[in-house]
Each structure stands twice: as structure tokens, then as C-alpha cells.
Amino acid sequence: MTVVAYIGAALAEIAGCFAFWAWLRLDKSPWWLVPGALSLCLFAYLLTLVDAEQAGRTYAAYGGVYIASALVWLWLAEGVKPDRWDLIGAAVCLGGAAIILWGPRSA
């Protein structure tokens, strides 16, 4: 469930932020803000579904998933293929996220 919640949260956050980007930078209608705000609310809700004791650790691990998802958005929505440095950076971030979320903890 954690991976699904993180991926859903990343897509919701990126879509919500893109709606604001489209309004301010691409001269789209202010009506783009309505689904954008709803998407950002969904993002926040989905992060609460992650099975972790501390919110800060949940958000820190989410950062790696967000970075990788943003590169997927770059490719699929904006038509720019990530280069090898993007992919290496995303892999490092996902590795760090896994360590933060699933690393052994002392009680």
C-alpha cells in the first residue's frame, strides 16, 4: 500500500502544481485552479495512508518518489526524454527513500 500511496500522491501533486503552472505560465483559464486545488488535496490525503509512525519520515521518503515521478511527467506530459543524469539522480533518490522508509530502526 505504501508504494501505491506514494505514486498516487506524486501524480496528484504534480498534476495539481501543473494546473497552477498552466494558469500562470501558459495563460490557461483560472478554472484550471479548481482541479488543481482538488488534486493537491488528494495528494495530502494520500500521504496520510503511508504506514509510518512519523510524518517527517513519510515526507522525506516521499521526496525520492516525487523526483522520479516528476521525470516521468517530464517525459510523458512535456515530451522531453530524461537523460542519463536524470535517471541516475532519480535512482539515487529512490535508493535514499527506501533507506529512510524501510531501514532498520532501533527502538
N, C-alpha and C. Protein backbone atom coordinates (compact mmCIF):
# COMPACT_ATOMS: atom_id res chain seq x y z
N MET A 1 0.82 -1.20 0.00
CA MET A 1 0.00 0.00 0.00
C MET A 1 0.86 1.26 0.00
N THR A 2 2.02 1.21 0.63
CA THR A 2 2.89 2.38 0.72
C THR A 2 3.32 2.87 -0.66
N VAL A 3 3.77 1.95 -1.49
CA VAL A 3 4.24 2.33 -2.83
C VAL A 3 3.09 2.93 -3.64
N VAL A 4 1.91 2.33 -3.56
CA VAL A 4 0.74 2.84 -4.29
C VAL A 4 0.36 4.24 -3.79
N ALA A 5 0.38 4.43 -2.48
CA ALA A 5 0.06 5.75 -1.91
C ALA A 5 1.08 6.79 -2.36
N TYR A 6 2.35 6.43 -2.36
CA TYR A 6 3.39 7.38 -2.79
C TYR A 6 3.25 7.73 -4.27
N ILE A 7 3.03 6.76 -5.11
CA ILE A 7 2.88 7.03 -6.54
C ILE A 7 1.63 7.87 -6.80
N GLY A 8 0.52 7.51 -6.15
CA GLY A 8 -0.70 8.31 -6.30
C GLY A 8 -0.51 9.73 -5.81
N ALA A 9 0.17 9.88 -4.67
CA ALA A 9 0.43 11.22 -4.13
C ALA A 9 1.30 12.02 -5.09
N ALA A 10 2.31 11.40 -5.66
CA ALA A 10 3.19 12.11 -6.59
C ALA A 10 2.43 12.57 -7.83
N LEU A 11 1.61 11.71 -8.39
CA LEU A 11 0.84 12.10 -9.56
C LEU A 11 -0.14 13.22 -9.23
N ALA A 12 -0.78 13.12 -8.07
CA ALA A 12 -1.72 14.16 -7.66
C ALA A 12 -1.01 15.49 -7.43
N GLU A 13 0.15 15.45 -6.79
CA GLU A 13 0.89 16.69 -6.53
C GLU A 13 1.37 17.33 -7.83
N ILE A 14 1.94 16.52 -8.70
CA ILE A 14 2.44 17.05 -9.96
C ILE A 14 1.29 17.62 -10.79
N ALA A 15 0.18 16.91 -10.87
CA ALA A 15 -0.97 17.40 -11.64
C ALA A 15 -1.50 18.70 -11.04
N GLY A 16 -1.59 18.77 -9.72
CA GLY A 16 -2.07 19.98 -9.07
C GLY A 16 -1.15 21.16 -9.29
N CYS A 17 0.14 20.92 -9.15
CA CYS A 17 1.11 22.00 -9.38
C CYS A 17 1.13 22.40 -10.86
N PHE A 18 0.97 21.44 -11.75
CA PHE A 18 0.96 21.77 -13.17
C PHE A 18 -0.25 22.64 -13.53
N ALA A 19 -1.37 22.41 -12.86
CA ALA A 19 -2.55 23.24 -13.11
C ALA A 19 -2.25 24.70 -12.79
N PHE A 20 -1.55 24.94 -11.70
CA PHE A 20 -1.16 26.31 -11.35
C PHE A 20 -0.14 26.85 -12.36
N TRP A 21 0.81 26.01 -12.76
CA TRP A 21 1.80 26.38 -13.76
C TRP A 21 1.09 26.79 -15.06
N ALA A 22 0.13 25.96 -15.47
CA ALA A 22 -0.59 26.23 -16.72
C ALA A 22 -1.33 27.56 -16.65
N TRP A 23 -1.93 27.84 -15.51
CA TRP A 23 -2.66 29.11 -15.34
C TRP A 23 -1.71 30.31 -15.40
N LEU A 24 -0.61 30.22 -14.65
CA LEU A 24 0.30 31.37 -14.54
C LEU A 24 1.30 31.49 -15.69
N ARG A 25 1.76 30.37 -16.20
CA ARG A 25 2.84 30.42 -17.20
C ARG A 25 2.39 30.13 -18.62
N LEU A 26 1.26 29.42 -18.75
CA LEU A 26 0.79 29.05 -20.09
C LEU A 26 -0.50 29.77 -20.47
N ASP A 27 -0.88 30.76 -19.65
CA ASP A 27 -2.07 31.58 -19.91
C ASP A 27 -3.36 30.77 -20.06
N LYS A 28 -3.49 29.72 -19.26
CA LYS A 28 -4.73 28.94 -19.25
C LYS A 28 -5.76 29.64 -18.38
N SER A 29 -6.99 29.21 -18.49
CA SER A 29 -8.09 29.79 -17.73
C SER A 29 -7.88 29.60 -16.23
N PRO A 30 -8.36 30.56 -15.42
CA PRO A 30 -8.31 30.37 -13.96
C PRO A 30 -9.10 29.14 -13.50
N TRP A 31 -9.96 28.62 -14.34
CA TRP A 31 -10.70 27.40 -13.98
C TRP A 31 -9.78 26.21 -13.80
N TRP A 32 -8.57 26.28 -14.33
CA TRP A 32 -7.59 25.22 -14.12
C TRP A 32 -7.25 25.08 -12.63
N LEU A 33 -7.49 26.15 -11.85
CA LEU A 33 -7.16 26.12 -10.43
C LEU A 33 -8.08 25.19 -9.64
N VAL A 34 -9.30 24.99 -10.11
CA VAL A 34 -10.24 24.13 -9.38
C VAL A 34 -9.75 22.68 -9.34
N PRO A 35 -9.52 22.04 -10.48
CA PRO A 35 -9.00 20.67 -10.38
C PRO A 35 -7.59 20.63 -9.78
N GLY A 36 -6.83 21.73 -9.97
CA GLY A 36 -5.51 21.78 -9.36
C GLY A 36 -5.57 21.73 -7.85
N ALA A 37 -6.46 22.51 -7.26
CA ALA A 37 -6.61 22.52 -5.80
C ALA A 37 -7.14 21.18 -5.29
N LEU A 38 -8.07 20.60 -6.01
CA LEU A 38 -8.60 19.28 -5.62
C LEU A 38 -7.51 18.22 -5.69
N SER A 39 -6.69 18.31 -6.71
CA SER A 39 -5.59 17.37 -6.85
C SER A 39 -4.59 17.50 -5.71
N LEU A 40 -4.31 18.73 -5.29
CA LEU A 40 -3.38 18.93 -4.17
C LEU A 40 -3.97 18.42 -2.86
N CYS A 41 -5.29 18.53 -2.70
CA CYS A 41 -5.94 17.95 -1.51
C CYS A 41 -5.82 16.43 -1.53
N LEU A 42 -6.00 15.83 -2.70
CA LEU A 42 -5.85 14.38 -2.83
C LEU A 42 -4.42 13.96 -2.50
N PHE A 43 -3.45 14.73 -2.96
CA PHE A 43 -2.04 14.47 -2.64
C PHE A 43 -1.83 14.40 -1.13
N ALA A 44 -2.33 15.40 -0.42
CA ALA A 44 -2.14 15.44 1.04
C ALA A 44 -2.82 14.25 1.71
N TYR A 45 -4.01 13.90 1.26
CA TYR A 45 -4.73 12.76 1.83
C TYR A 45 -3.96 11.46 1.60
N LEU A 46 -3.47 11.26 0.39
CA LEU A 46 -2.78 10.01 0.07
C LEU A 46 -1.53 9.81 0.93
N LEU A 47 -0.85 10.89 1.27
CA LEU A 47 0.33 10.74 2.13
C LEU A 47 -0.05 10.24 3.53
N THR A 48 -1.28 10.51 3.97
CA THR A 48 -1.69 10.02 5.28
C THR A 48 -1.90 8.51 5.29
N LEU A 49 -1.98 7.89 4.12
CA LEU A 49 -2.20 6.44 4.04
C LEU A 49 -0.91 5.64 4.18
N VAL A 50 0.23 6.31 4.15
CA VAL A 50 1.51 5.61 4.28
C VAL A 50 1.67 5.11 5.71
N ASP A 51 2.06 3.85 5.83
CA ASP A 51 2.21 3.23 7.14
C ASP A 51 3.57 3.60 7.74
N ALA A 52 3.61 4.72 8.42
CA ALA A 52 4.84 5.18 9.09
C ALA A 52 4.42 5.90 10.37
N GLU A 53 5.28 5.86 11.35
CA GLU A 53 4.98 6.47 12.64
C GLU A 53 5.14 7.99 12.64
N GLN A 54 6.09 8.49 11.86
CA GLN A 54 6.38 9.93 11.88
C GLN A 54 6.08 10.55 10.51
N ALA A 55 5.43 11.70 10.55
CA ALA A 55 5.11 12.40 9.31
C ALA A 55 6.37 12.83 8.58
N GLY A 56 7.37 13.33 9.30
CA GLY A 56 8.59 13.80 8.68
C GLY A 56 9.30 12.72 7.89
N ARG A 57 9.34 11.51 8.43
CA ARG A 57 9.98 10.40 7.72
C ARG A 57 9.17 10.03 6.48
N THR A 58 7.87 10.09 6.61
CA THR A 58 7.00 9.81 5.46
C THR A 58 7.27 10.81 4.35
N TYR A 59 7.35 12.10 4.70
CA TYR A 59 7.58 13.14 3.69
C TYR A 59 8.98 13.03 3.09
N ALA A 60 9.97 12.71 3.91
CA ALA A 60 11.35 12.59 3.42
C ALA A 60 11.46 11.47 2.39
N ALA A 61 10.87 10.32 2.71
CA ALA A 61 10.92 9.19 1.78
C ALA A 61 10.11 9.50 0.52
N TYR A 62 9.02 10.23 0.66
CA TYR A 62 8.20 10.61 -0.48
C TYR A 62 9.00 11.45 -1.48
N GLY A 63 9.94 12.22 -1.00
CA GLY A 63 10.73 13.09 -1.88
C GLY A 63 11.38 12.33 -3.03
N GLY A 64 11.91 11.16 -2.75
CA GLY A 64 12.54 10.35 -3.81
C GLY A 64 11.54 9.90 -4.85
N VAL A 65 10.35 9.51 -4.40
CA VAL A 65 9.30 9.08 -5.32
C VAL A 65 8.84 10.27 -6.16
N TYR A 66 8.73 11.44 -5.53
CA TYR A 66 8.31 12.64 -6.25
C TYR A 66 9.30 12.98 -7.37
N ILE A 67 10.57 12.91 -7.07
CA ILE A 67 11.59 13.24 -8.07
C ILE A 67 11.49 12.30 -9.27
N ALA A 68 11.39 11.01 -9.02
CA ALA A 68 11.27 10.05 -10.12
C ALA A 68 9.98 10.28 -10.91
N SER A 69 8.88 10.56 -10.21
CA SER A 69 7.60 10.81 -10.88
C SER A 69 7.64 12.09 -11.71
N ALA A 70 8.35 13.10 -11.23
CA ALA A 70 8.47 14.34 -11.99
C ALA A 70 9.20 14.10 -13.31
N LEU A 71 10.16 13.21 -13.31
CA LEU A 71 10.86 12.89 -14.55
C LEU A 71 9.97 12.11 -15.51
N VAL A 72 9.12 11.25 -14.97
CA VAL A 72 8.13 10.57 -15.82
C VAL A 72 7.18 11.60 -16.43
N TRP A 73 6.74 12.58 -15.63
CA TRP A 73 5.87 13.66 -16.12
C TRP A 73 6.59 14.44 -17.22
N LEU A 74 7.86 14.76 -16.99
CA LEU A 74 8.66 15.48 -17.97
C LEU A 74 8.61 14.77 -19.32
N TRP A 75 8.73 13.44 -19.28
CA TRP A 75 8.77 12.65 -20.49
C TRP A 75 7.39 12.52 -21.13
N LEU A 76 6.38 12.10 -20.35
CA LEU A 76 5.07 11.80 -20.91
C LEU A 76 4.22 13.04 -21.18
N ALA A 77 4.25 14.00 -20.29
CA ALA A 77 3.38 15.17 -20.45
C ALA A 77 4.04 16.31 -21.21
N GLU A 78 5.37 16.44 -21.06
CA GLU A 78 6.05 17.56 -21.70
C GLU A 78 6.88 17.15 -22.90
N GLY A 79 6.98 15.85 -23.14
CA GLY A 79 7.67 15.37 -24.34
C GLY A 79 9.18 15.51 -24.32
N VAL A 80 9.77 15.64 -23.13
CA VAL A 80 11.22 15.75 -23.01
C VAL A 80 11.73 14.46 -22.36
N LYS A 81 12.54 13.73 -23.09
CA LYS A 81 13.06 12.47 -22.58
C LYS A 81 14.17 12.73 -21.55
N PRO A 82 14.03 12.16 -20.35
CA PRO A 82 15.09 12.32 -19.34
C PRO A 82 16.42 11.76 -19.86
N ASP A 83 17.52 12.43 -19.52
CA ASP A 83 18.82 11.93 -19.94
C ASP A 83 19.39 11.01 -18.86
N ARG A 84 20.58 10.52 -19.12
CA ARG A 84 21.16 9.55 -18.18
C ARG A 84 21.39 10.15 -16.80
N TRP A 85 21.69 11.45 -16.74
CA TRP A 85 21.93 12.08 -15.44
C TRP A 85 20.62 12.22 -14.66
N ASP A 86 19.53 12.46 -15.37
CA ASP A 86 18.22 12.46 -14.72
C ASP A 86 17.93 11.09 -14.12
N LEU A 87 18.19 10.05 -14.90
CA LEU A 87 17.89 8.68 -14.46
C LEU A 87 18.79 8.25 -13.30
N ILE A 88 20.06 8.61 -13.38
CA ILE A 88 20.98 8.29 -12.28
C ILE A 88 20.55 9.03 -11.01
N GLY A 89 20.22 10.29 -11.14
CA GLY A 89 19.78 11.07 -9.99
C GLY A 89 18.51 10.49 -9.37
N ALA A 90 17.57 10.10 -10.22
CA ALA A 90 16.31 9.52 -9.71
C ALA A 90 16.59 8.20 -8.99
N ALA A 91 17.49 7.39 -9.53
CA ALA A 91 17.83 6.11 -8.88
C ALA A 91 18.45 6.35 -7.51
N VAL A 92 19.33 7.33 -7.41
CA VAL A 92 19.94 7.67 -6.12
C VAL A 92 18.86 8.11 -5.14
N CYS A 93 17.94 8.95 -5.60
CA CYS A 93 16.86 9.44 -4.73
C CYS A 93 15.94 8.31 -4.27
N LEU A 94 15.60 7.41 -5.18
CA LEU A 94 14.74 6.28 -4.80
C LEU A 94 15.46 5.36 -3.81
N GLY A 95 16.76 5.18 -4.00
CA GLY A 95 17.53 4.39 -3.04
C GLY A 95 17.52 5.04 -1.66
N GLY A 96 17.71 6.35 -1.63
CA GLY A 96 17.65 7.07 -0.36
C GLY A 96 16.28 6.99 0.29
N ALA A 97 15.23 7.08 -0.53
CA ALA A 97 13.87 6.98 0.00
C ALA A 97 13.63 5.61 0.63
N ALA A 98 14.12 4.55 -0.04
CA ALA A 98 13.95 3.19 0.50
C ALA A 98 14.70 3.04 1.83
N ILE A 99 15.89 3.60 1.91
CA ILE A 99 16.65 3.54 3.17
C ILE A 99 15.91 4.26 4.29
N ILE A 100 15.40 5.46 3.98
CA ILE A 100 14.67 6.22 5.00
C ILE A 100 13.42 5.48 5.47
N LEU A 101 12.68 4.92 4.53
CA LEU A 101 11.39 4.32 4.88
C LEU A 101 11.55 2.93 5.50
N TRP A 102 12.42 2.11 4.95
CA TRP A 102 12.48 0.71 5.37
C TRP A 102 13.76 0.31 6.09
N GLY A 103 14.65 1.25 6.35
CA GLY A 103 15.88 0.92 7.08
C GLY A 103 15.55 0.45 8.49
N PRO A 104 16.38 -0.47 9.00
CA PRO A 104 16.13 -0.97 10.36
C PRO A 104 16.30 0.14 11.39
N ARG A 105 15.41 0.18 12.32
CA ARG A 105 15.42 1.22 13.37
C ARG A 105 15.60 0.54 14.72
N SER A 106 16.35 1.21 15.57
CA SER A 106 16.47 0.71 16.95
C SER A 106 15.32 1.33 17.75
N ALA A 107 14.81 0.57 18.67
CA ALA A 107 13.66 1.02 19.46
C ALA A 107 14.04 2.01 20.45
